[in-house]
Protein backbone atom coordinates (compact mmCIF):
# COMPACT_ATOMS: atom_id res chain seq x y z
CA MET A 1 -0.07 -0.04 0.05
CA LYS A 2 1.27 3.51 -0.91
CA SER A 3 1.67 6.27 1.75
CA VAL A 4 -0.39 9.34 1.32
CA GLY A 5 2.95 11.28 0.88
CA SER A 6 3.83 9.07 -2.13
CA VAL A 7 0.46 9.43 -3.66
CA LEU A 8 0.49 13.24 -3.35
CA SER A 9 4.05 13.46 -4.60
CA GLN A 10 3.04 11.42 -7.76
CA PHE A 11 -0.19 13.71 -8.13
CA LEU A 12 2.18 16.86 -7.88
CA ASP A 13 4.58 15.50 -10.35
CA ARG A 14 1.71 14.91 -12.78
CA ILE A 15 0.31 18.44 -12.32
CA ALA A 16 3.81 19.89 -12.98
CA SER A 17 4.31 17.87 -16.07
CA ASP A 18 1.04 19.01 -17.58
CA GLU A 19 1.52 22.82 -17.78
CA GLU A 20 -2.22 23.59 -18.58
CA ILE A 21 -3.33 21.76 -15.51
CA ALA A 22 -0.65 23.39 -13.50
CA LEU A 23 -1.61 26.79 -14.66
CA ILE A 24 -5.22 26.05 -13.48
CA PHE A 25 -4.10 25.01 -10.02
CA LEU A 26 -1.71 28.00 -9.84
CA SER A 27 -4.27 30.43 -10.86
CA GLU A 28 -6.68 29.18 -8.14
CA LEU A 29 -3.91 29.13 -5.45
CA TRP A 30 -2.30 32.53 -6.41
CA PRO A 31 -3.64 34.53 -3.50
CA GLN A 32 -2.36 31.90 -1.11
CA ILE A 33 1.07 31.82 -2.65
CA VAL A 34 1.74 35.32 -2.86
CA GLY A 35 -0.78 36.87 -0.64
CA LYS A 36 -3.87 38.81 -1.44
CA ASP A 37 -2.22 42.24 -1.89
CA LEU A 38 0.10 40.92 -4.82
CA ALA A 39 -2.53 38.77 -6.15
CA SER A 40 -4.82 41.50 -6.63
CA LYS A 41 -2.29 43.10 -8.94
CA SER A 42 -1.15 39.97 -10.82
CA ARG A 43 -2.61 36.97 -12.34
CA PRO A 44 -1.05 33.86 -13.86
CA LEU A 45 -1.66 33.85 -17.56
CA ALA A 46 0.52 31.23 -19.14
CA LEU A 47 3.03 28.59 -18.20
CA ARG A 48 5.34 27.30 -20.82
CA ASP A 49 8.83 25.41 -20.38
CA LYS A 50 9.07 26.38 -16.55
CA ARG A 51 8.32 30.20 -17.51
CA LEU A 52 5.41 31.85 -15.87
CA LEU A 53 3.77 34.81 -17.53
CA LEU A 54 1.90 37.09 -15.12
CA THR A 55 -0.44 39.81 -16.05
CA VAL A 56 -0.14 43.21 -14.16
CA PRO A 57 -2.10 46.54 -14.46
CA SER A 58 0.72 48.85 -15.36
CA GLU A 59 4.31 49.21 -16.21
CA ILE A 60 4.83 50.47 -12.47
CA TRP A 61 3.59 47.02 -11.20
CA ALA A 62 5.72 45.29 -13.71
CA LYS A 63 8.76 46.95 -12.51
CA GLU A 64 7.83 46.36 -8.85
CA LEU A 65 7.28 42.68 -9.22
CA THR A 66 10.41 42.40 -11.36
CA GLN A 67 12.21 43.25 -8.11
CA LEU A 68 10.40 40.50 -6.48
CA ARG A 69 10.86 37.95 -9.18
CA GLU A 70 13.13 35.41 -7.35
CA MET A 71 10.89 35.77 -4.21
CA LEU A 72 7.87 34.83 -6.33
CA VAL A 73 9.82 32.01 -8.05
CA HIS A 74 10.72 30.64 -4.75
CA ALA A 75 7.19 31.03 -3.27
CA VAL A 76 5.62 29.08 -6.32
CA ASN A 77 8.10 26.34 -6.19
CA LYS A 78 7.89 26.16 -2.34
CA HIS A 79 4.05 25.79 -2.54
CA TRP A 80 4.58 22.82 -5.05
CA ASP A 81 7.50 21.19 -3.19
CA LEU A 82 9.37 21.08 -6.56
CA SER A 83 10.87 23.20 -9.30
CA LEU A 84 7.60 24.06 -11.26
CA ILE A 85 9.03 27.38 -12.57
CA GLU A 86 12.24 28.96 -13.16
CA LYS A 87 11.53 32.43 -14.49
CA ILE A 88 8.59 34.95 -14.40
CA ASP A 89 7.88 37.37 -17.12
CA PHE A 90 5.25 40.19 -16.80
CA GLU A 91 2.77 41.55 -19.40
CA VAL A 92 0.89 44.73 -18.86
CA ARG A 93 -2.93 44.38 -19.44
CA THR A 94 -5.31 47.24 -18.55
């Protein structure tokens, strides 16, 4: 019989390998991952080749979040317990 941890680990590996499913989970969990304040100013838009694209409302927010890029990558990967993303890019959408 497999342990719960083993089953959960396999499930997370499958999510990470299917970028569309990972993006859905990431979008739903975004406020928990980065906090409500940052989540209100950014949304996951796409995930491809370990690169996450976030939408932001202005160039100012893009610059602000660029400074937090490493922290955001770490927060996402810590939440997944694996290396889901390596880089974050920003796209301004008003």
